[in-house]
């Protein structure tokens, strides 16, 4: 069964990533606009993509790790110096972004809401 973990912010993401890196398990990360008190992201594309990505997890390897990462509020994300944009481990251009850690596989924006593309990313792990 896929191990699903939700974290908020860059430091929490790096901490979780480092804790799983030595496991040898495939690691997938969905970067999304952070959610408000009602559990809704400020990012409309993220709201659409999240159920598609989570629904496609059945196609991921059973030993995989799935990290859902909130990138912060809209103002924080929009800053060109945002650590999610500048850090070499992420280099994000947009949210949502779904990626496989350590590989070239990456889906951005509306592609994250296309079930066939998401399933393909998980199956090719």
PDB file of N, CA and C in Angstrom:
ATOM      1  N   UNK A   1       0.836  -1.183   0.000  1.00  0.00           N
ATOM      2  CA  UNK A   1       0.000   0.000   0.000  1.00  0.00           C
ATOM      3  C   UNK A   1       0.885   1.253   0.000  1.00  0.00           C
ATOM      4  N   UNK A   2       0.516   2.228  -0.787  1.00  0.00           N
ATOM      5  CA  UNK A   2       1.270   3.468  -0.897  1.00  0.00           C
ATOM      6  C   UNK A   2       1.206   4.219   0.434  1.00  0.00           C
ATOM      7  N   UNK A   3       2.363   4.644   0.915  1.00  0.00           N
ATOM      8  CA  UNK A   3       2.471   5.424   2.145  1.00  0.00           C
ATOM      9  C   UNK A   3       2.230   6.885   1.779  1.00  0.00           C
ATOM     10  N   UNK A   4       1.133   7.475   2.259  1.00  0.00           N
ATOM     11  CA  UNK A   4       0.770   8.847   1.927  1.00  0.00           C
ATOM     12  C   UNK A   4       1.045   9.768   3.107  1.00  0.00           C
ATOM     13  N   UNK A   5       1.786  10.844   2.845  1.00  0.00           N
ATOM     14  CA  UNK A   5       2.168  11.790   3.889  1.00  0.00           C
ATOM     15  C   UNK A   5       1.868  13.211   3.407  1.00  0.00           C
ATOM     16  N   UNK A   6       1.290  14.031   4.270  1.00  0.00           N
ATOM     17  CA  UNK A   6       1.013  15.430   3.957  1.00  0.00           C
ATOM     18  C   UNK A   6       1.915  16.309   4.807  1.00  0.00           C
ATOM     19  N   UNK A   7       2.601  17.247   4.154  1.00  0.00           N
ATOM     20  CA  UNK A   7       3.442  18.198   4.877  1.00  0.00           C
ATOM     21  C   UNK A   7       3.155  19.608   4.375  1.00  0.00           C
ATOM     22  N   UNK A   8       3.521  20.575   5.191  1.00  0.00           N
ATOM     23  CA  UNK A   8       3.306  21.980   4.872  1.00  0.00           C
ATOM     24  C   UNK A   8       4.636  22.719   4.943  1.00  0.00           C
ATOM     25  N   UNK A   9       5.033  23.323   3.839  1.00  0.00           N
ATOM     26  CA  UNK A   9       6.236  24.141   3.820  1.00  0.00           C
ATOM     27  C   UNK A   9       7.480  23.406   3.366  1.00  0.00           C
ATOM     28  N   UNK A  10       8.489  24.194   3.010  1.00  0.00           N
ATOM     29  CA  UNK A  10       9.704  23.637   2.420  1.00  0.00           C
ATOM     30  C   UNK A  10      10.527  22.814   3.410  1.00  0.00           C
ATOM     31  N   UNK A  11      10.696  23.314   4.618  1.00  0.00           N
ATOM     32  CA  UNK A  11      11.510  22.591   5.602  1.00  0.00           C
ATOM     33  C   UNK A  11      10.911  21.224   5.910  1.00  0.00           C
ATOM     34  N   UNK A  12       9.593  21.180   6.073  1.00  0.00           N
ATOM     35  CA  UNK A  12       8.924  19.899   6.350  1.00  0.00           C
ATOM     36  C   UNK A  12       9.069  18.946   5.160  1.00  0.00           C
ATOM     37  N   UNK A  13       8.999  19.492   3.942  1.00  0.00           N
ATOM     38  CA  UNK A  13       9.186  18.678   2.739  1.00  0.00           C
ATOM     39  C   UNK A  13      10.587  18.058   2.728  1.00  0.00           C
ATOM     40  N   UNK A  14      11.610  18.878   2.954  1.00  0.00           N
ATOM     41  CA  UNK A  14      12.993  18.378   2.925  1.00  0.00           C
ATOM     42  C   UNK A  14      13.209  17.325   4.007  1.00  0.00           C
ATOM     43  N   UNK A  15      12.653  17.564   5.190  1.00  0.00           N
ATOM     44  CA  UNK A  15      12.799  16.608   6.293  1.00  0.00           C
ATOM     45  C   UNK A  15      12.199  15.252   5.919  1.00  0.00           C
ATOM     46  N   UNK A  16      10.982  15.254   5.389  1.00  0.00           N
ATOM     47  CA  UNK A  16      10.334  13.992   4.986  1.00  0.00           C
ATOM     48  C   UNK A  16      11.081  13.336   3.833  1.00  0.00           C
ATOM     49  N   UNK A  17      11.500  14.137   2.859  1.00  0.00           N
ATOM     50  CA  UNK A  17      12.219  13.600   1.715  1.00  0.00           C
ATOM     51  C   UNK A  17      13.489  12.892   2.183  1.00  0.00           C
ATOM     52  N   UNK A  18      14.228  13.526   3.047  1.00  0.00           N
ATOM     53  CA  UNK A  18      15.468  12.917   3.551  1.00  0.00           C
ATOM     54  C   UNK A  18      15.196  11.654   4.347  1.00  0.00           C
ATOM     55  N   UNK A  19      14.072  11.614   5.068  1.00  0.00           N
ATOM     56  CA  UNK A  19      13.759  10.422   5.865  1.00  0.00           C
ATOM     57  C   UNK A  19      13.406   9.224   4.975  1.00  0.00           C
ATOM     58  N   UNK A  20      12.913   9.489   3.757  1.00  0.00           N
ATOM     59  CA  UNK A  20      12.550   8.392   2.844  1.00  0.00           C
ATOM     60  C   UNK A  20      13.619   8.092   1.800  1.00  0.00           C
ATOM     61  N   UNK A  21      14.520   9.011   1.542  1.00  0.00           N
ATOM     62  CA  UNK A  21      15.503   8.847   0.460  1.00  0.00           C
ATOM     63  C   UNK A  21      16.303   7.558   0.559  1.00  0.00           C
ATOM     64  N   UNK A  22      16.672   7.160   1.756  1.00  0.00           N
ATOM     65  CA  UNK A  22      17.509   5.961   1.913  1.00  0.00           C
ATOM     66  C   UNK A  22      16.691   4.670   1.883  1.00  0.00           C
ATOM     67  N   UNK A  23      15.375   4.782   1.780  1.00  0.00           N
ATOM     68  CA  UNK A  23      14.521   3.588   1.822  1.00  0.00           C
ATOM     69  C   UNK A  23      14.567   2.783   0.524  1.00  0.00           C
ATOM     70  N   UNK A  24      14.964   3.444  -0.567  1.00  0.00           N
ATOM     71  CA  UNK A  24      14.967   2.762  -1.860  1.00  0.00           C
ATOM     72  C   UNK A  24      13.583   2.697  -2.494  1.00  0.00           C
ATOM     73  N   UNK A  25      12.585   3.231  -1.817  1.00  0.00           N
ATOM     74  CA  UNK A  25      11.217   3.218  -2.345  1.00  0.00           C
ATOM     75  C   UNK A  25      11.043   4.342  -3.354  1.00  0.00           C
ATOM     76  N   UNK A  26      10.197   4.138  -4.369  1.00  0.00           N
ATOM     77  CA  UNK A  26       9.883   5.253  -5.273  1.00  0.00           C
ATOM     78  C   UNK A  26       9.116   6.331  -4.504  1.00  0.00           C
ATOM     79  N   UNK A  27       9.519   7.589  -4.722  1.00  0.00           N
ATOM     80  CA  UNK A  27       8.894   8.710  -4.025  1.00  0.00           C
ATOM     81  C   UNK A  27       8.256   9.644  -5.050  1.00  0.00           C
ATOM     82  N   UNK A  28       6.980   9.906  -4.858  1.00  0.00           N
ATOM     83  CA  UNK A  28       6.237  10.834  -5.711  1.00  0.00           C
ATOM     84  C   UNK A  28       5.815  12.023  -4.852  1.00  0.00           C
ATOM     85  N   UNK A  29       5.843  13.212  -5.444  1.00  0.00           N
ATOM     86  CA  UNK A  29       5.485  14.418  -4.703  1.00  0.00           C
ATOM     87  C   UNK A  29       4.483  15.235  -5.512  1.00  0.00           C
ATOM     88  N   UNK A  30       3.402  15.638  -4.850  1.00  0.00           N
ATOM     89  CA  UNK A  30       2.462  16.581  -5.434  1.00  0.00           C
ATOM     90  C   UNK A  30       2.613  17.891  -4.679  1.00  0.00           C
ATOM     91  N   UNK A  31       3.066  18.932  -5.385  1.00  0.00           N
ATOM     92  CA  UNK A  31       3.183  20.268  -4.815  1.00  0.00           C
ATOM     93  C   UNK A  31       1.902  21.021  -5.138  1.00  0.00           C
ATOM     94  N   UNK A  32       1.312  21.619  -4.111  1.00  0.00           N
ATOM     95  CA  UNK A  32       0.013  22.256  -4.268  1.00  0.00           C
ATOM     96  C   UNK A  32      -0.032  23.541  -3.457  1.00  0.00           C
ATOM     97  N   UNK A  33      -0.898  24.449  -3.872  1.00  0.00           N
ATOM     98  CA  UNK A  33      -1.138  25.636  -3.063  1.00  0.00           C
ATOM     99  C   UNK A  33      -1.689  25.209  -1.716  1.00  0.00           C
ATOM    100  N   UNK A  34      -1.195  25.815  -0.649  1.00  0.00           N
ATOM    101  CA  UNK A  34      -1.637  25.439   0.699  1.00  0.00           C
ATOM    102  C   UNK A  34      -3.143  25.654   0.870  1.00  0.00           C
ATOM    103  N   UNK A  35      -3.694  24.917   1.822  1.00  0.00           N
ATOM    104  CA  UNK A  35      -5.137  24.956   2.062  1.00  0.00           C
ATOM    105  C   UNK A  35      -5.484  25.896   3.202  1.00  0.00           C
ATOM    106  N   UNK A  36      -6.693  26.450   3.131  1.00  0.00           N
ATOM    107  CA  UNK A  36      -7.180  27.319   4.195  1.00  0.00           C
ATOM    108  C   UNK A  36      -7.805  26.475   5.306  1.00  0.00           C
ATOM    109  N   UNK A  37      -8.390  27.140   6.283  1.00  0.00           N
ATOM    110  CA  UNK A  37      -8.990  26.450   7.430  1.00  0.00           C
ATOM    111  C   UNK A  37     -10.110  25.503   7.018  1.00  0.00           C
ATOM    112  N   UNK A  38     -10.709  25.745   5.851  1.00  0.00           N
ATOM    113  CA  UNK A  38     -11.785  24.879   5.354  1.00  0.00           C
ATOM    114  C   UNK A  38     -11.266  23.726   4.510  1.00  0.00           C
ATOM    115  N   UNK A  39      -9.931  23.628   4.370  1.00  0.00           N
ATOM    116  CA  UNK A  39      -9.345  22.533   3.606  1.00  0.00           C
ATOM    117  C   UNK A  39      -9.351  22.763   2.104  1.00  0.00           C
ATOM    118  N   UNK A  40      -9.480  24.031   1.676  1.00  0.00           N
ATOM    119  CA  UNK A  40      -9.503  24.324   0.250  1.00  0.00           C
ATOM    120  C   UNK A  40      -8.275  25.137  -0.144  1.00  0.00           C
ATOM    121  N   UNK A  41      -7.605  24.700  -1.196  1.00  0.00           N
ATOM    122  CA  UNK A  41      -6.422  25.398  -1.688  1.00  0.00           C
ATOM    123  C   UNK A  41      -6.810  26.691  -2.387  1.00  0.00           C
ATOM    124  N   UNK A  42      -5.930  27.696  -2.305  1.00  0.00           N
ATOM    125  CA  UNK A  42      -6.132  28.956  -3.031  1.00  0.00           C
ATOM    126  C   UNK A  42      -5.932  28.766  -4.532  1.00  0.00           C
ATOM    127  N   UNK A  43      -5.349  27.649  -4.925  1.00  0.00           N
ATOM    128  CA  UNK A  43      -5.011  27.376  -6.328  1.00  0.00           C
ATOM    129  C   UNK A  43      -6.114  26.541  -6.980  1.00  0.00           C
ATOM    130  N   UNK A  44      -6.887  27.114  -7.923  1.00  0.00           N
ATOM    131  CA  UNK A  44      -7.988  26.364  -8.533  1.00  0.00           C
ATOM    132  C   UNK A  44      -7.537  25.104  -9.274  1.00  0.00           C
ATOM    133  N   UNK A  45      -6.390  25.169  -9.962  1.00  0.00           N
ATOM    134  CA  UNK A  45      -5.888  23.979 -10.664  1.00  0.00           C
ATOM    135  C   UNK A  45      -5.535  22.868  -9.681  1.00  0.00           C
ATOM    136  N   UNK A  46      -5.046  23.247  -8.500  1.00  0.00           N
ATOM    137  CA  UNK A  46      -4.699  22.258  -7.478  1.00  0.00           C
ATOM    138  C   UNK A  46      -5.948  21.548  -6.957  1.00  0.00           C
ATOM    139  N   UNK A  47      -7.030  22.314  -6.799  1.00  0.00           N
ATOM    140  CA  UNK A  47      -8.296  21.751  -6.326  1.00  0.00           C
ATOM    141  C   UNK A  47      -8.794  20.694  -7.306  1.00  0.00           C
ATOM    142  N   UNK A  48      -8.648  20.955  -8.597  1.00  0.00           N
ATOM    143  CA  UNK A  48      -9.085  20.017  -9.635  1.00  0.00           C
ATOM    144  C   UNK A  48      -8.155  18.801  -9.690  1.00  0.00           C
ATOM    145  N   UNK A  49      -6.851  19.029  -9.563  1.00  0.00           N
ATOM    146  CA  UNK A  49      -5.876  17.953  -9.736  1.00  0.00           C
ATOM    147  C   UNK A  49      -5.817  16.976  -8.564  1.00  0.00           C
ATOM    148  N   UNK A  50      -5.993  17.456  -7.344  1.00  0.00           N
ATOM    149  CA  UNK A  50      -5.795  16.604  -6.170  1.00  0.00           C
ATOM    150  C   UNK A  50      -6.590  15.302  -6.204  1.00  0.00           C
ATOM    151  N   UNK A  51      -7.907  15.318  -6.456  1.00  0.00           N
ATOM    152  CA  UNK A  51      -8.634  14.042  -6.470  1.00  0.00           C
ATOM    153  C   UNK A  51      -8.194  13.123  -7.614  1.00  0.00           C
ATOM    154  N   UNK A  52      -7.777  13.683  -8.733  1.00  0.00           N
ATOM    155  CA  UNK A  52      -7.300  12.878  -9.866  1.00  0.00           C
ATOM    156  C   UNK A  52      -6.014  12.151  -9.481  1.00  0.00           C
ATOM    157  N   UNK A  53      -5.091  12.902  -8.892  1.00  0.00           N
ATOM    158  CA  UNK A  53      -3.804  12.321  -8.503  1.00  0.00           C
ATOM    159  C   UNK A  53      -4.008  11.255  -7.418  1.00  0.00           C
ATOM    160  N   UNK A  54      -4.790  11.592  -6.418  1.00  0.00           N
ATOM    161  CA  UNK A  54      -5.007  10.620  -5.329  1.00  0.00           C
ATOM    162  C   UNK A  54      -5.740   9.381  -5.833  1.00  0.00           C
ATOM    163  N   UNK A  55      -6.644   9.558  -6.785  1.00  0.00           N
ATOM    164  CA  UNK A  55      -7.358   8.415  -7.356  1.00  0.00           C
ATOM    165  C   UNK A  55      -6.448   7.509  -8.170  1.00  0.00           C
ATOM    166  N   UNK A  56      -5.428   8.087  -8.780  1.00  0.00           N
ATOM    167  CA  UNK A  56      -4.502   7.312  -9.617  1.00  0.00           C
ATOM    168  C   UNK A  56      -3.420   6.610  -8.803  1.00  0.00           C
ATOM    169  N   UNK A  57      -3.355   6.857  -7.510  1.00  0.00           N
ATOM    170  CA  UNK A  57      -2.329   6.210  -6.674  1.00  0.00           C
ATOM    171  C   UNK A  57      -2.409   4.689  -6.716  1.00  0.00           C
ATOM    172  N   UNK A  58      -3.564   4.165  -7.120  1.00  0.00           N
ATOM    173  CA  UNK A  58      -3.693   2.710  -7.232  1.00  0.00           C
ATOM    174  C   UNK A  58      -2.747   2.146  -8.294  1.00  0.00           C
ATOM    175  N   UNK A  59      -2.295   3.012  -9.211  1.00  0.00           N
ATOM    176  CA  UNK A  59      -1.378   2.584 -10.280  1.00  0.00           C
ATOM    177  C   UNK A  59       0.089   2.672  -9.853  1.00  0.00           C
ATOM    178  N   UNK A  60       0.337   3.306  -8.711  1.00  0.00           N
ATOM    179  CA  UNK A  60       1.714   3.451  -8.228  1.00  0.00           C
ATOM    180  C   UNK A  60       2.200   2.124  -7.636  1.00  0.00           C
ATOM    181  N   UNK A  61       3.522   1.913  -7.619  1.00  0.00           N
ATOM    182  CA  UNK A  61       4.046   0.700  -6.973  1.00  0.00           C
ATOM    183  C   UNK A  61       3.564   0.631  -5.525  1.00  0.00           C
ATOM    184  N   UNK A  62       3.255  -0.566  -5.061  1.00  0.00           N
ATOM    185  CA  UNK A  62       2.692  -0.737  -3.719  1.00  0.00           C
ATOM    186  C   UNK A  62       3.612  -0.230  -2.610  1.00  0.00           C
ATOM    187  N   UNK A  63       4.918  -0.216  -2.851  1.00  0.00           N
ATOM    188  CA  UNK A  63       5.854   0.228  -1.817  1.00  0.00           C
ATOM    189  C   UNK A  63       6.202   1.713  -1.940  1.00  0.00           C
ATOM    190  N   UNK A  64       5.500   2.429  -2.808  1.00  0.00           N
ATOM    191  CA  UNK A  64       5.812   3.836  -3.071  1.00  0.00           C
ATOM    192  C   UNK A  64       5.444   4.731  -1.887  1.00  0.00           C
ATOM    193  N   UNK A  65       6.054   5.911  -1.896  1.00  0.00           N
ATOM    194  CA  UNK A  65       5.744   6.962  -0.936  1.00  0.00           C
ATOM    195  C   UNK A  65       5.152   8.130  -1.727  1.00  0.00           C
ATOM    196  N   UNK A  66       4.052   8.681  -1.234  1.00  0.00           N
ATOM    197  CA  UNK A  66       3.416   9.833  -1.866  1.00  0.00           C
ATOM    198  C   UNK A  66       3.400  10.979  -0.870  1.00  0.00           C
ATOM    199  N   UNK A  67       4.095  12.068  -1.218  1.00  0.00           N
ATOM    200  CA  UNK A  67       4.121  13.262  -0.378  1.00  0.00           C
ATOM    201  C   UNK A  67       3.228  14.331  -0.990  1.00  0.00           C
ATOM    202  N   UNK A  68       2.286  14.829  -0.212  1.00  0.00           N
ATOM    203  CA  UNK A  68       1.466  15.970  -0.612  1.00  0.00           C
ATOM    204  C   UNK A  68       2.065  17.167   0.108  1.00  0.00           C
ATOM    205  N   UNK A  69       2.551  18.133  -0.657  1.00  0.00           N
ATOM    206  CA  UNK A  69       3.276  19.269  -0.075  1.00  0.00           C
ATOM    207  C   UNK A  69       2.548  20.580  -0.345  1.00  0.00           C
ATOM    208  N   UNK A  70       2.171  21.266   0.718  1.00  0.00           N
ATOM    209  CA  UNK A  70       1.606  22.599   0.602  1.00  0.00           C
ATOM    210  C   UNK A  70       2.746  23.602   0.476  1.00  0.00           C
ATOM    211  N   UNK A  71       2.732  24.404  -0.597  1.00  0.00           N
ATOM    212  CA  UNK A  71       3.842  25.319  -0.871  1.00  0.00           C
ATOM    213  C   UNK A  71       3.679  26.677  -0.191  1.00  0.00           C
ATOM    214  N   UNK A  72       2.621  26.862   0.563  1.00  0.00           N
ATOM    215  CA  UNK A  72       2.399  28.132   1.241  1.00  0.00           C
ATOM    216  C   UNK A  72       1.268  28.918   0.604  1.00  0.00           C
ATOM    217  N   UNK A  73       1.075  30.102   1.120  1.00  0.00           N
ATOM    218  CA  UNK A  73       0.028  30.980   0.616  1.00  0.00           C
ATOM    219  C   UNK A  73       0.360  31.533  -0.755  1.00  0.00           C
ATOM    220  N   UNK A  74      -0.629  32.124  -1.378  1.00  0.00           N
ATOM    221  CA  UNK A  74      -0.473  32.635  -2.744  1.00  0.00           C
ATOM    222  C   UNK A  74       0.649  33.668  -2.843  1.00  0.00           C
ATOM    223  N   UNK A  75       0.722  34.605  -1.922  1.00  0.00           N
ATOM    224  CA  UNK A  75       1.760  35.647  -1.974  1.00  0.00           C
ATOM    225  C   UNK A  75       3.156  35.047  -1.846  1.00  0.00           C
ATOM    226  N   UNK A  76       3.307  34.077  -0.936  1.00  0.00           N
ATOM    227  CA  UNK A  76       4.603  33.414  -0.767  1.00  0.00           C
ATOM    228  C   UNK A  76       5.004  32.694  -2.054  1.00  0.00           C
ATOM    229  N   UNK A  77       4.050  31.962  -2.638  1.00  0.00           N
ATOM    230  CA  UNK A  77       4.320  31.204  -3.858  1.00  0.00           C
ATOM    231  C   UNK A  77       4.666  32.125  -5.029  1.00  0.00           C
ATOM    232  N   UNK A  78       3.971  33.234  -5.164  1.00  0.00           N
ATOM    233  CA  UNK A  78       4.162  34.131  -6.308  1.00  0.00           C
ATOM    234  C   UNK A  78       5.507  34.868  -6.285  1.00  0.00           C
ATOM    235  N   UNK A  79       6.173  34.907  -5.152  1.00  0.00           N
ATOM    236  CA  UNK A  79       7.485  35.563  -5.044  1.00  0.00           C
ATOM    237  C   UNK A  79       8.495  34.797  -5.904  1.00  0.00           C
ATOM    238  N   UNK A  80       9.159  35.457  -6.868  1.00  0.00           N
ATOM    239  CA  UNK A  80      10.132  34.768  -7.725  1.00  0.00           C
ATOM    240  C   UNK A  80      11.278  34.121  -6.932  1.00  0.00           C
ATOM    241  N   UNK A  81      11.500  34.607  -5.702  1.00  0.00           N
ATOM    242  CA  UNK A  81      12.564  34.038  -4.867  1.00  0.00           C
ATOM    243  C   UNK A  81      12.059  32.925  -3.954  1.00  0.00           C
ATOM    244  N   UNK A  82      10.818  32.505  -4.131  1.00  0.00           N
ATOM    245  CA  UNK A  82      10.236  31.421  -3.331  1.00  0.00           C
ATOM    246  C   UNK A  82      11.155  30.200  -3.391  1.00  0.00           C
ATOM    247  N   UNK A  83      11.449  29.644  -2.228  1.00  0.00           N
ATOM    248  CA  UNK A  83      12.406  28.534  -2.149  1.00  0.00           C
ATOM    249  C   UNK A  83      11.972  27.328  -2.993  1.00  0.00           C
ATOM    250  N   UNK A  84      10.679  27.117  -3.146  1.00  0.00           N
ATOM    251  CA  UNK A  84      10.210  26.009  -3.997  1.00  0.00           C
ATOM    252  C   UNK A  84      10.595  26.246  -5.464  1.00  0.00           C
ATOM    253  N   UNK A  85      10.686  27.502  -5.863  1.00  0.00           N
ATOM    254  CA  UNK A  85      11.077  27.851  -7.228  1.00  0.00           C
ATOM    255  C   UNK A  85      12.590  27.770  -7.427  1.00  0.00           C
ATOM    256  N   UNK A  86      13.359  28.130  -6.394  1.00  0.00           N
ATOM    257  CA  UNK A  86      14.804  28.294  -6.553  1.00  0.00           C
ATOM    258  C   UNK A  86      15.632  27.089  -6.130  1.00  0.00           C
ATOM    259  N   UNK A  87      15.135  26.257  -5.242  1.00  0.00           N
ATOM    260  CA  UNK A  87      15.936  25.133  -4.761  1.00  0.00           C
ATOM    261  C   UNK A  87      16.118  24.088  -5.864  1.00  0.00           C
ATOM    262  N   UNK A  88      17.352  23.585  -6.034  1.00  0.00           N
ATOM    263  CA  UNK A  88      17.607  22.604  -7.102  1.00  0.00           C
ATOM    264  C   UNK A  88      16.841  21.287  -6.946  1.00  0.00           C
ATOM    265  N   UNK A  89      16.361  20.987  -5.745  1.00  0.00           N
ATOM    266  CA  UNK A  89      15.596  19.744  -5.540  1.00  0.00           C
ATOM    267  C   UNK A  89      14.184  19.842  -6.086  1.00  0.00           C
ATOM    268  N   UNK A  90      13.695  21.071  -6.265  1.00  0.00           N
ATOM    269  CA  UNK A  90      12.315  21.247  -6.715  1.00  0.00           C
ATOM    270  C   UNK A  90      12.221  21.999  -8.037  1.00  0.00           C
ATOM    271  N   UNK A  91      12.804  23.155  -8.136  1.00  0.00           N
ATOM    272  CA  UNK A  91      12.775  23.991  -9.351  1.00  0.00           C
ATOM    273  C   UNK A  91      11.365  24.106  -9.929  1.00  0.00           C
ATOM    274  N   UNK A  92      10.409  24.418  -9.087  1.00  0.00           N
ATOM    275  CA  UNK A  92       9.022  24.498  -9.552  1.00  0.00           C
ATOM    276  C   UNK A  92       8.778  25.749 -10.376  1.00  0.00           C
ATOM    277  N   UNK A  93       7.973  25.581 -11.408  1.00  0.00           N
ATOM    278  CA  UNK A  93       7.538  26.701 -12.228  1.00  0.00           C
ATOM    279  C   UNK A  93       6.064  26.993 -11.977  1.00  0.00           C
ATOM    280  N   UNK A  94       5.337  25.982 -11.511  1.00  0.00           N
ATOM    281  CA  UNK A  94       3.900  26.125 -11.324  1.00  0.00           C
ATOM    282  C   UNK A  94       3.393  25.111 -10.306  1.00  0.00           C
ATOM    283  N   UNK A  95       2.214  25.391  -9.790  1.00  0.00           N
ATOM    284  CA  UNK A  95       1.476  24.407  -8.997  1.00  0.00           C
ATOM    285  C   UNK A  95       0.126  24.239  -9.666  1.00  0.00           C
ATOM    286  N   UNK A  96      -0.402  23.032  -9.678  1.00  0.00           N
ATOM    287  CA  UNK A  96       0.198  21.839  -9.103  1.00  0.00           C
ATOM    288  C   UNK A  96       1.336  21.298  -9.977  1.00  0.00           C
ATOM    289  N   UNK A  97       2.268  20.630  -9.312  1.00  0.00           N
ATOM    290  CA  UNK A  97       3.312  19.874  -9.999  1.00  0.00           C
ATOM    291  C   UNK A  97       3.400  18.516  -9.334  1.00  0.00           C
ATOM    292  N   UNK A  98       3.353  17.472 -10.146  1.00  0.00           N
ATOM    293  CA  UNK A  98       3.521  16.098  -9.674  1.00  0.00           C
ATOM    294  C   UNK A  98       4.831  15.593 -10.248  1.00  0.00           C
ATOM    295  N   UNK A  99       5.707  15.057  -9.388  1.00  0.00           N
ATOM    296  CA  UNK A  99       6.992  14.576  -9.883  1.00  0.00           C
ATOM    297  C   UNK A  99       7.424  13.310  -9.165  1.00  0.00           C
ATOM    298  N   UNK A 100       8.276  12.579  -9.854  1.00  0.00           N
ATOM    299  CA  UNK A 100       8.941  11.429  -9.237  1.00  0.00           C
ATOM    300  C   UNK A 100      10.324  11.904  -8.829  1.00  0.00           C
ATOM    301  N   UNK A 101      10.666  11.721  -7.566  1.00  0.00           N
ATOM    302  CA  UNK A 101      11.960  12.150  -7.052  1.00  0.00           C
ATOM    303  C   UNK A 101      13.064  11.311  -7.686  1.00  0.00           C
ATOM    304  N   UNK A 102      14.091  12.002  -8.165  1.00  0.00           N
ATOM    305  CA  UNK A 102      15.242  11.309  -8.738  1.00  0.00           C
ATOM    306  C   UNK A 102      15.087  10.945 -10.200  1.00  0.00           C
ATOM    307  N   UNK A 103      13.989  11.332 -10.806  1.00  0.00           N
ATOM    308  CA  UNK A 103      13.756  11.003 -12.217  1.00  0.00           C
ATOM    309  C   UNK A 103      13.264  12.215 -12.977  1.00  0.00           C
ATOM    310  N   UNK A 104      13.182  12.082 -14.278  1.00  0.00           N
ATOM    311  CA  UNK A 104      12.740  13.218 -15.096  1.00  0.00           C
ATOM    312  C   UNK A 104      11.221  13.379 -15.137  1.00  0.00           C
ATOM    313  N   UNK A 105      10.482  12.398 -14.629  1.00  0.00           N
ATOM    314  CA  UNK A 105       9.028  12.431 -14.731  1.00  0.00           C
ATOM    315  C   UNK A 105       8.453  13.604 -13.942  1.00  0.00           C
ATOM    316  N   UNK A 106       7.669  14.437 -14.653  1.00  0.00           N
ATOM    317  CA  UNK A 106       7.067  15.614 -14.028  1.00  0.00           C
ATOM    318  C   UNK A 106       5.853  16.040 -14.836  1.00  0.00           C
ATOM    319  N   UNK A 107       4.769  16.312 -14.133  1.00  0.00           N
ATOM    320  CA  UNK A 107       3.563  16.862 -14.755  1.00  0.00           C
ATOM    321  C   UNK A 107       3.267  18.191 -14.077  1.00  0.00           C
ATOM    322  N   UNK A 108       2.874  19.185 -14.878  1.00  0.00           N
ATOM    323  CA  UNK A 108       2.598  20.500 -14.331  1.00  0.00           C
ATOM    324  C   UNK A 108       1.211  20.973 -14.728  1.00  0.00           C
ATOM    325  N   UNK A 109       0.644  21.801 -13.873  1.00  0.00           N
ATOM    326  CA  UNK A 109      -0.633  22.468 -14.065  1.00  0.00           C
ATOM    327  C   UNK A 109      -1.731  21.517 -14.525  1.00  0.00           C
ATOM    328  N   UNK A 110      -2.387  21.838 -15.658  1.00  0.00           N
ATOM    329  CA  UNK A 110      -3.570  21.069 -16.068  1.00  0.00           C
ATOM    330  C   UNK A 110      -3.257  19.607 -16.376  1.00  0.00           C
ATOM    331  N   UNK A 111      -1.996  19.272 -16.659  1.00  0.00           N
ATOM    332  CA  UNK A 111      -1.632  17.868 -16.918  1.00  0.00           C
ATOM    333  C   UNK A 111      -1.840  17.010 -15.674  1.00  0.00           C
ATOM    334  N   UNK A 112      -1.765  17.619 -14.500  1.00  0.00           N
ATOM    335  CA  UNK A 112      -1.986  16.885 -13.247  1.00  0.00           C
ATOM    336  C   UNK A 112      -3.443  16.456 -13.082  1.00  0.00           C
ATOM    337  N   UNK A 113      -4.340  17.016 -13.868  1.00  0.00           N
ATOM    338  CA  UNK A 113      -5.761  16.675 -13.788  1.00  0.00           C
ATOM    339  C   UNK A 113      -6.164  15.674 -14.870  1.00  0.00           C
ATOM    340  N   UNK A 114      -5.197  15.188 -15.649  1.00  0.00           N
ATOM    341  CA  UNK A 114      -5.476  14.210 -16.702  1.00  0.00           C
ATOM    342  C   UNK A 114      -5.116  12.824 -16.168  1.00  0.00           C
ATOM    343  N   UNK A 115      -6.144  12.047 -15.857  1.00  0.00           N
ATOM    344  CA  UNK A 115      -5.945  10.754 -15.201  1.00  0.00           C
ATOM    345  C   UNK A 115      -4.984   9.851 -15.971  1.00  0.00           C
ATOM    346  N   UNK A 116      -5.085   9.831 -17.305  1.00  0.00           N
ATOM    347  CA  UNK A 116      -4.218   8.936 -18.078  1.00  0.00           C
ATOM    348  C   UNK A 116      -2.742   9.335 -17.939  1.00  0.00           C
ATOM    349  N   UNK A 117      -2.465  10.617 -17.904  1.00  0.00           N
ATOM    350  CA  UNK A 117      -1.076  11.070 -17.773  1.00  0.00           C
ATOM    351  C   UNK A 117      -0.539  10.786 -16.366  1.00  0.00           C
ATOM    352  N   UNK A 118      -1.373  11.018 -15.359  1.00  0.00           N
ATOM    353  CA  UNK A 118      -0.967  10.760 -13.977  1.00  0.00           C
ATOM    354  C   UNK A 118      -0.706   9.272 -13.772  1.00  0.00           C
ATOM    355  N   UNK A 119      -1.618   8.430 -14.274  1.00  0.00           N
ATOM    356  CA  UNK A 119      -1.429   6.989 -14.157  1.00  0.00           C
ATOM    357  C   UNK A 119      -0.161   6.537 -14.840  1.00  0.00           C
ATOM    358  N   UNK A 120       0.149   7.103 -16.000  1.00  0.00           N
ATOM    359  CA  UNK A 120       1.361   6.746 -16.716  1.00  0.00           C
ATOM    360  C   UNK A 120       2.598   7.103 -15.910  1.00  0.00           C
ATOM    361  N   UNK A 121       2.582   8.269 -15.274  1.00  0.00           N
ATOM    362  CA  UNK A 121       3.722   8.668 -14.449  1.00  0.00           C
ATOM    363  C   UNK A 121       3.928   7.676 -13.306  1.00  0.00           C
ATOM    364  N   UNK A 122       2.834   7.256 -12.650  1.00  0.00           N
ATOM    365  CA  UNK A 122       2.937   6.294 -11.563  1.00  0.00           C
ATOM    366  C   UNK A 122       3.380   4.912 -12.055  1.00  0.00           C
ATOM    367  N   UNK A 123       2.870   4.487 -13.194  1.00  0.00           N
ATOM    368  CA  UNK A 123       3.180   3.143 -13.706  1.00  0.00           C
ATOM    369  C   UNK A 123       4.615   3.026 -14.198  1.00  0.00           C
ATOM    370  N   UNK A 124       5.188   4.124 -14.680  1.00  0.00           N
ATOM    371  CA  UNK A 124       6.546   4.093 -15.217  1.00  0.00           C
ATOM    372  C   UNK A 124       7.623   4.158 -14.143  1.00  0.00           C
ATOM    373  N   UNK A 125       7.208   4.120 -12.884  1.00  0.00           N
ATOM    374  CA  UNK A 125       8.164   4.292 -11.771  1.00  0.00           C
ATOM    375  C   UNK A 125       9.201   3.189 -11.713  1.00  0.00           C
TER     376      UNK A 125
END
